[in-house]
Amino acid sequence: MSQVTPNYPLITHAAESLSTANGKPLAEITLDEAAAGHLSAADLQISAETLRAQAEIAHQAGYTQLAANLRRAAELTAVPNADLLRMYETLRPGRATLAELLALADILENEYQAVESARFVREAASIYEARGLLRRE
């Protein structure tokens, strides 16, 4: 399946085809709308679709690490903010055991279909183990 990648910046080149996480068209996110008080915090949350479009642009420009980060961010839009904050805390060095990090990876993969993020957490767990950064039981 061939996919046309919009040019960067997306707000200029794809505002009519992309939307925020709550479905508001990107074209409606303007300074005038903000100044008039017509935008809420929920209107400003990025969608997985927009992050994937940005990842494709980064990939095509040769920024492979940025593209990977944006793809993981797209996956994480499915995770509630409170859960994301707990996950972030778990990933800090010395805060989790190997088993807890591997369980976190399983949750990401199985509950949220965040396969790339789960792979990233498993890699971090391996590195934490090798460097002695796991919480001691």
Protein backbone atom coordinates (compact mmCIF):
# COMPACT_ATOMS: atom_id res chain seq x y z
CA MET A 1 0.00 0.00 0.00
CA SER A 2 1.56 3.30 -1.02
CA GLN A 3 1.07 6.23 1.28
CA VAL A 4 1.54 9.86 0.34
CA THR A 5 3.55 11.67 2.97
CA PRO A 6 2.67 15.33 3.47
CA ASN A 7 5.38 17.96 3.49
CA TYR A 8 6.60 19.59 6.64
CA PRO A 9 5.27 21.52 8.49
CA LEU A 10 2.07 19.54 8.74
CA ILE A 11 0.01 22.54 9.89
CA THR A 12 0.74 24.15 6.51
CA HIS A 13 0.62 21.10 4.24
CA ALA A 14 -1.81 18.66 5.86
CA ALA A 15 -4.05 20.66 8.20
CA GLU A 16 -7.16 19.62 6.29
CA SER A 17 -6.46 15.88 6.53
CA LEU A 18 -5.18 15.56 10.12
CA SER A 19 -6.89 16.04 13.45
CA THR A 20 -6.06 16.28 17.13
CA ALA A 21 -6.50 13.36 19.51
CA ASN A 22 -10.12 14.33 20.22
CA GLY A 23 -10.95 14.68 16.51
CA LYS A 24 -10.72 18.46 16.09
CA PRO A 25 -9.38 19.20 12.59
CA LEU A 26 -5.82 20.50 12.69
CA ALA A 27 -6.94 23.38 10.46
CA GLU A 28 -9.08 24.66 13.37
CA ILE A 29 -6.10 24.95 15.72
CA THR A 30 -5.20 28.58 15.18
CA LEU A 31 -4.00 31.51 17.26
CA ASP A 32 -7.31 33.25 16.60
CA GLU A 33 -9.25 30.27 17.98
CA ALA A 34 -6.98 30.16 21.05
CA ALA A 35 -7.28 33.92 21.63
CA ALA A 36 -11.07 33.65 21.39
CA GLY A 37 -11.05 30.92 24.04
CA HIS A 38 -12.43 28.29 21.66
CA LEU A 39 -9.70 25.72 22.33
CA SER A 40 -9.39 23.40 25.32
CA ALA A 41 -6.39 21.43 26.51
CA ALA A 42 -7.96 18.33 24.96
CA ASP A 43 -8.05 20.11 21.59
CA LEU A 44 -4.27 20.45 21.71
CA GLN A 45 -3.38 16.80 22.32
CA ILE A 46 -1.62 15.31 19.32
CA SER A 47 -3.09 12.29 17.60
CA ALA A 48 -1.30 9.05 16.80
CA GLU A 49 -1.99 9.73 13.12
CA THR A 50 -0.20 13.09 13.25
CA LEU A 51 2.77 11.58 15.09
CA ARG A 52 3.01 8.80 12.49
CA ALA A 53 2.96 11.41 9.70
CA GLN A 54 5.76 13.30 11.45
CA ALA A 55 7.68 10.03 11.87
CA GLU A 56 7.42 9.34 8.15
CA ILE A 57 8.70 12.82 7.32
CA ALA A 58 11.61 12.35 9.73
CA HIS A 59 12.38 8.93 8.26
CA GLN A 60 12.38 10.24 4.70
CA ALA A 61 14.70 13.06 5.77
CA GLY A 62 17.14 10.53 7.24
CA TYR A 63 16.38 11.19 10.90
CA THR A 64 15.83 7.53 11.81
CA GLN A 65 16.13 7.92 15.59
CA LEU A 66 13.67 10.82 15.63
CA ALA A 67 11.32 8.76 13.45
CA ALA A 68 11.54 5.84 15.91
CA ASN A 69 10.83 8.18 18.84
CA LEU A 70 7.78 9.62 17.06
CA ARG A 71 6.47 6.12 16.25
CA ARG A 72 6.77 5.15 19.93
CA ALA A 73 5.02 8.38 20.89
CA ALA A 74 2.20 7.51 18.49
CA GLU A 75 1.79 4.16 20.23
CA LEU A 76 1.70 5.81 23.63
CA THR A 77 -1.24 8.05 22.75
CA ALA A 78 -3.40 5.03 23.61
CA VAL A 79 -2.08 4.95 27.19
CA PRO A 80 -3.94 7.09 29.76
CA ASN A 81 -1.83 9.94 31.15
CA ALA A 82 -1.90 8.60 34.72
CA ASP A 83 -0.57 5.26 33.50
CA LEU A 84 2.12 7.00 31.46
CA LEU A 85 3.31 8.88 34.55
CA ARG A 86 3.50 5.62 36.54
CA MET A 87 5.42 4.00 33.67
CA TYR A 88 7.83 6.92 33.52
CA GLU A 89 8.48 6.60 37.26
CA THR A 90 9.04 2.85 36.89
CA LEU A 91 11.63 3.45 34.17
CA ARG A 92 13.80 5.69 36.33
CA PRO A 93 17.03 3.91 37.33
CA GLY A 94 16.77 2.07 40.64
CA ARG A 95 12.96 2.21 40.76
CA ALA A 96 12.07 -1.23 39.41
CA THR A 97 13.24 -4.81 39.41
CA LEU A 98 13.92 -6.70 36.20
CA ALA A 99 10.61 -8.53 36.63
CA GLU A 100 8.72 -5.24 37.03
CA LEU A 101 10.28 -3.78 33.89
CA LEU A 102 9.49 -6.90 31.90
CA ALA A 103 5.92 -6.81 33.23
CA LEU A 104 5.66 -3.19 32.10
CA ALA A 105 6.81 -4.20 28.62
CA ASP A 106 4.16 -6.94 28.55
CA ILE A 107 1.46 -4.43 29.53
CA LEU A 108 2.55 -2.05 26.78
CA GLU A 109 2.53 -4.80 24.20
CA ASN A 110 -0.59 -6.71 25.23
CA GLU A 111 -2.92 -4.04 26.63
CA TYR A 112 -1.98 -1.10 24.41
CA GLN A 113 -0.50 -2.80 21.33
CA ALA A 114 2.58 -0.60 21.83
CA VAL A 115 5.01 -3.13 20.36
CA GLU A 116 7.89 -0.73 19.67
CA SER A 117 7.57 0.85 23.12
CA ALA A 118 7.55 -2.60 24.72
CA ARG A 119 10.70 -3.50 22.79
CA PHE A 120 12.30 -0.27 24.02
CA VAL A 121 11.43 -1.08 27.66
CA ARG A 122 12.85 -4.61 27.30
CA GLU A 123 16.05 -3.14 25.89
CA ALA A 124 16.21 -0.68 28.80
CA ALA A 125 15.65 -3.54 31.26
CA SER A 126 18.58 -5.44 29.75
CA ILE A 127 20.83 -2.40 29.95
CA TYR A 128 19.72 -1.61 33.51
CA GLU A 129 20.54 -5.18 34.48
CA ALA A 130 24.00 -5.04 32.84
CA ARG A 131 24.80 -1.70 34.50
CA GLY A 132 23.43 -2.49 37.94
CA LEU A 133 20.60 0.06 37.69
CA LEU A 134 17.77 -2.21 38.83
CA ARG A 135 16.13 -1.89 42.23
CA ARG A 136 17.48 -4.52 44.57
CA GLU A 137 14.83 -6.81 46.03
